[in-house]
């Protein structure tokens, strides 16, 4: 027969069980949820330099952030051919950019435009995925902005070398990397557009950000974007 003391201990243990399960449930509910892994930081390009021989010159026929909105696709024609291992861009082929952010105001500035160049009409492959960075902006107009000879440049393997392409450069080339190595571009340089500032990778989602002291980001016809193939996206 169960003694009175044993029965009493059993009843006390039974009464404590709901309290114990409630405490466990509360502890589980109170435990913080595992946080999602942080996105990798954008890799700054400001301290690097890019060979002119490896750049794409894209013609700007006019640009106005007041007429653009996020996710809109815009396109630019390539000034001269260039051959990358994964993509051959002929002269007058097209590179595409997606508008990430675009701001303007009716009053005084500032304003901002962020672009992501992620597709191009490579030879035989329209709108092929390609990772390009906007590394320089050249304001309009003039022959001084013709950085290279018009023959296509090959950036790897047999073909024209950096010195061959650089032989066709002029004084503007030195403005593209002040104090740096000849025939290179300092990412973020702006020539001939004093109201603009370019910050590669500084935009939303590591896009390339153009800001202006004016109430909208504007580039007149005859301007050029200088792009570089990167592995940063």
Protein backbone atom coordinates (compact mmCIF):
# COMPACT_ATOMS: atom_id res chain seq x y z
CA UNK A 1 0.00 0.00 0.00
CA UNK A 2 1.25 3.48 -0.86
CA UNK A 3 2.13 5.44 2.28
CA UNK A 4 0.70 8.86 2.96
CA UNK A 5 4.12 10.51 2.57
CA UNK A 6 4.78 8.85 -0.80
CA UNK A 7 1.38 9.88 -2.04
CA UNK A 8 2.00 13.45 -0.88
CA UNK A 9 5.35 13.64 -2.74
CA UNK A 10 3.69 12.28 -5.89
CA UNK A 11 0.91 14.85 -5.76
CA UNK A 12 3.41 17.70 -5.26
CA UNK A 13 5.48 16.51 -8.23
CA UNK A 14 2.35 16.23 -10.38
CA UNK A 15 1.30 19.77 -9.41
CA UNK A 16 4.75 21.15 -10.31
CA UNK A 17 4.83 19.54 -13.78
CA UNK A 18 2.61 22.15 -15.55
CA UNK A 19 4.74 24.91 -14.04
CA UNK A 20 7.90 23.26 -15.35
CA UNK A 21 6.52 22.79 -18.87
CA UNK A 22 5.27 26.39 -18.89
CA UNK A 23 8.73 27.63 -17.91
CA UNK A 24 10.35 25.58 -20.66
CA UNK A 25 7.84 26.87 -23.22
CA UNK A 26 8.42 30.47 -22.08
CA UNK A 27 12.19 30.06 -22.34
CA UNK A 28 11.84 28.68 -25.86
CA UNK A 29 9.51 31.50 -26.89
CA UNK A 30 11.82 34.11 -25.34
CA UNK A 31 14.95 32.81 -27.06
CA UNK A 32 16.01 35.32 -29.74
CA UNK A 33 15.59 34.14 -33.32
CA UNK A 34 18.80 33.50 -35.20
CA UNK A 35 19.64 36.62 -37.20
CA UNK A 36 20.15 36.37 -40.97
CA UNK A 37 23.77 36.61 -42.12
CA UNK A 38 24.80 40.18 -42.88
CA UNK A 39 25.30 41.10 -46.51
CA UNK A 40 28.97 41.36 -47.50
CA UNK A 41 30.23 44.95 -47.58
CA UNK A 42 30.67 46.67 -50.91
CA UNK A 43 34.27 46.64 -52.06
CA UNK A 44 35.58 50.17 -52.51
CA UNK A 45 37.45 50.93 -55.72
CA UNK A 46 38.76 54.38 -54.83
CA UNK A 47 42.33 53.25 -54.12
CA UNK A 48 42.68 51.13 -57.25
CA UNK A 49 43.39 51.99 -60.88
CA UNK A 50 42.23 50.43 -64.13
CA UNK A 51 44.13 50.23 -67.40
CA UNK A 52 42.62 52.28 -70.19
CA UNK A 53 43.12 49.25 -72.38
CA UNK A 54 40.52 47.35 -70.33
CA UNK A 55 37.76 49.96 -70.32
CA UNK A 56 34.53 50.39 -72.25
CA UNK A 57 33.59 53.87 -73.46
CA UNK A 58 29.82 54.31 -73.59
CA UNK A 59 28.23 57.27 -75.35
CA UNK A 60 25.73 59.35 -73.37
CA UNK A 61 23.18 61.01 -75.65
CA UNK A 62 21.57 62.80 -72.73
CA UNK A 63 20.71 61.81 -69.16
CA UNK A 64 18.29 63.35 -66.65
CA UNK A 65 17.47 61.74 -63.30
CA UNK A 66 14.14 63.62 -63.17
CA UNK A 67 12.91 61.38 -66.01
CA UNK A 68 14.11 58.12 -64.50
CA UNK A 69 12.77 55.80 -61.82
CA UNK A 70 13.96 52.69 -60.01
CA UNK A 71 14.13 49.47 -62.08
CA UNK A 72 13.98 51.29 -65.40
CA UNK A 73 16.41 49.89 -67.97
CA UNK A 74 18.50 52.36 -69.95
CA UNK A 75 21.10 51.68 -72.62
CA UNK A 76 24.21 53.24 -74.10
CA UNK A 77 26.17 52.60 -77.29
CA UNK A 78 29.80 51.50 -77.11
CA UNK A 79 32.24 53.96 -78.71
CA UNK A 80 34.91 51.43 -79.67
CA UNK A 81 35.16 47.68 -79.81
CA UNK A 82 36.79 45.70 -77.03
CA UNK A 83 37.38 41.98 -76.62
CA UNK A 84 36.98 40.40 -73.19
CA UNK A 85 37.48 36.65 -72.68
CA UNK A 86 33.74 36.19 -72.09
CA UNK A 87 32.33 38.94 -74.30
CA UNK A 88 33.25 40.76 -77.51
CA UNK A 89 31.74 44.23 -77.74
CA UNK A 90 31.70 45.70 -81.23
CA UNK A 91 31.64 49.44 -81.86
CA UNK A 92 28.02 50.65 -81.62
CA UNK A 93 26.96 47.59 -79.63
CA UNK A 94 24.88 48.28 -76.52
CA UNK A 95 25.47 48.07 -72.78
CA UNK A 96 22.47 48.12 -70.41
CA UNK A 97 22.08 49.64 -66.98
CA UNK A 98 19.30 49.24 -64.44
CA UNK A 99 18.32 52.33 -62.47
CA UNK A 100 18.63 51.44 -58.78
CA UNK A 101 17.74 54.86 -57.34
CA UNK A 102 16.92 58.20 -58.94
CA UNK A 103 16.16 61.38 -57.03
CA UNK A 104 15.50 64.96 -58.07
CA UNK A 105 13.72 67.96 -56.59
CA UNK A 106 11.83 71.02 -57.76
CA UNK A 107 13.94 73.29 -55.61
CA UNK A 108 17.69 73.38 -55.15
CA UNK A 109 19.78 70.20 -55.00
CA UNK A 110 21.26 67.82 -54.19
CA UNK A 111 20.20 64.85 -56.34
CA UNK A 112 21.34 61.29 -56.94
CA UNK A 113 21.32 58.55 -59.55
CA UNK A 114 22.56 55.00 -58.94
CA UNK A 115 23.11 52.58 -61.83
CA UNK A 116 23.96 48.91 -62.16
CA UNK A 117 25.48 47.88 -65.49
CA UNK A 118 24.75 44.17 -65.74
CA UNK A 119 24.05 43.27 -69.39
CA UNK A 120 25.52 43.89 -72.82
CA UNK A 121 24.99 42.89 -76.45
CA UNK A 122 28.09 40.75 -76.78
CA UNK A 123 28.86 39.48 -80.27
CA UNK A 124 26.33 36.70 -80.96
CA UNK A 125 24.69 37.05 -77.53
CA UNK A 126 22.18 39.82 -76.95
CA UNK A 127 21.75 41.06 -73.38
CA UNK A 128 24.40 38.72 -72.04
CA UNK A 129 24.95 39.01 -68.30
CA UNK A 130 28.14 40.92 -67.61
CA UNK A 131 29.40 42.80 -64.57
CA UNK A 132 30.54 46.31 -65.46
CA UNK A 133 31.44 49.16 -63.13
CA UNK A 134 30.99 52.83 -63.91
CA UNK A 135 34.45 54.16 -63.01
CA UNK A 136 34.65 57.56 -64.75
CA UNK A 137 32.47 60.26 -66.29
CA UNK A 138 33.57 62.55 -69.12
CA UNK A 139 31.54 65.69 -69.71
CA UNK A 140 30.75 66.96 -73.22
CA UNK A 141 31.98 67.48 -75.85
CA UNK A 142 35.04 67.53 -78.12
CA UNK A 143 37.76 65.46 -79.69
CA UNK A 144 39.74 65.63 -76.44
CA UNK A 145 37.42 62.95 -75.09
CA UNK A 146 38.52 60.42 -77.68
CA UNK A 147 40.75 58.46 -75.37
CA UNK A 148 41.77 55.69 -77.73
CA UNK A 149 42.32 54.89 -81.35
CA UNK A 150 39.18 53.46 -82.92
CA UNK A 151 40.46 49.92 -83.50
CA UNK A 152 39.11 47.22 -81.16
CA UNK A 153 41.30 46.36 -78.20
CA UNK A 154 41.87 42.85 -76.94
CA UNK A 155 42.43 42.66 -73.19
CA UNK A 156 43.75 39.12 -72.92
CA UNK A 157 45.75 36.72 -75.04
CA UNK A 158 47.33 37.61 -78.35
CA UNK A 159 46.50 40.95 -79.87
CA UNK A 160 47.14 44.58 -79.14
CA UNK A 161 48.82 45.24 -75.82
CA UNK A 162 48.28 48.09 -73.35
CA UNK A 163 51.13 50.16 -74.77
CA UNK A 164 49.69 49.84 -78.27
CA UNK A 165 46.32 51.24 -77.18
CA UNK A 166 47.95 53.91 -75.02
CA UNK A 167 49.89 55.22 -78.00
CA UNK A 168 46.63 56.74 -79.24
CA UNK A 169 45.90 58.65 -76.03
CA UNK A 170 46.23 62.35 -75.32
CA UNK A 171 46.26 64.85 -72.44
CA UNK A 172 42.85 63.70 -71.20
CA UNK A 173 44.37 60.37 -70.22
CA UNK A 174 46.52 62.09 -67.63
CA UNK A 175 43.39 63.75 -66.16
CA UNK A 176 41.82 60.34 -65.62
CA UNK A 177 44.33 59.38 -62.93
CA UNK A 178 46.06 62.51 -61.60
CA UNK A 179 49.40 61.60 -60.08
CA UNK A 180 48.91 57.94 -60.95
CA UNK A 181 50.37 55.61 -63.53
CA UNK A 182 50.10 56.71 -67.17
CA UNK A 183 47.21 55.36 -69.23
CA UNK A 184 45.11 54.33 -66.24
CA UNK A 185 41.78 55.44 -64.79
CA UNK A 186 41.23 56.30 -61.14
CA UNK A 187 37.75 54.96 -60.23
CA UNK A 188 35.45 57.83 -59.34
CA UNK A 189 37.14 60.45 -61.54
CA UNK A 190 34.90 63.05 -63.23
CA UNK A 191 36.27 65.24 -66.02
CA UNK A 192 34.40 68.18 -67.52
CA UNK A 193 31.29 67.89 -65.31
CA UNK A 194 32.12 69.89 -62.16
CA UNK A 195 28.71 69.53 -60.50
CA UNK A 196 28.86 65.74 -60.51
CA UNK A 197 30.45 63.29 -58.11
CA UNK A 198 30.91 59.60 -58.91
CA UNK A 199 31.25 56.90 -56.24
CA UNK A 200 31.59 53.37 -57.65
CA UNK A 201 29.96 50.69 -55.43
CA UNK A 202 28.61 53.36 -53.01
CA UNK A 203 24.98 53.15 -54.13
CA UNK A 204 22.21 50.88 -52.91
CA UNK A 205 23.10 47.23 -53.40
CA UNK A 206 26.68 48.19 -54.33
CA UNK A 207 25.49 50.05 -57.42
CA UNK A 208 27.49 52.98 -58.81
CA UNK A 209 26.28 56.32 -57.45
CA UNK A 210 26.31 59.66 -59.26
CA UNK A 211 25.38 62.71 -57.19
CA UNK A 212 24.94 66.32 -58.20
CA UNK A 213 24.80 69.67 -56.43
CA UNK A 214 21.94 70.54 -58.79
CA UNK A 215 18.35 69.42 -58.24
CA UNK A 216 18.79 66.63 -60.78
CA UNK A 217 21.64 64.60 -62.25
CA UNK A 218 22.14 65.69 -65.84
CA UNK A 219 24.61 64.87 -68.59
CA UNK A 220 24.48 66.57 -71.97
CA UNK A 221 24.86 64.77 -75.31
CA UNK A 222 28.49 64.08 -76.10
CA UNK A 223 29.32 62.92 -72.58
CA UNK A 224 30.80 59.46 -71.98
CA UNK A 225 30.73 56.82 -69.30
CA UNK A 226 33.91 54.82 -68.77
CA UNK A 227 33.15 51.26 -67.65
CA UNK A 228 35.35 48.43 -66.47
CA UNK A 229 34.73 44.70 -66.26
CA UNK A 230 34.99 43.57 -62.65
CA UNK A 231 34.45 40.48 -60.56
CA UNK A 232 32.93 42.37 -57.63
CA UNK A 233 29.27 41.43 -58.14
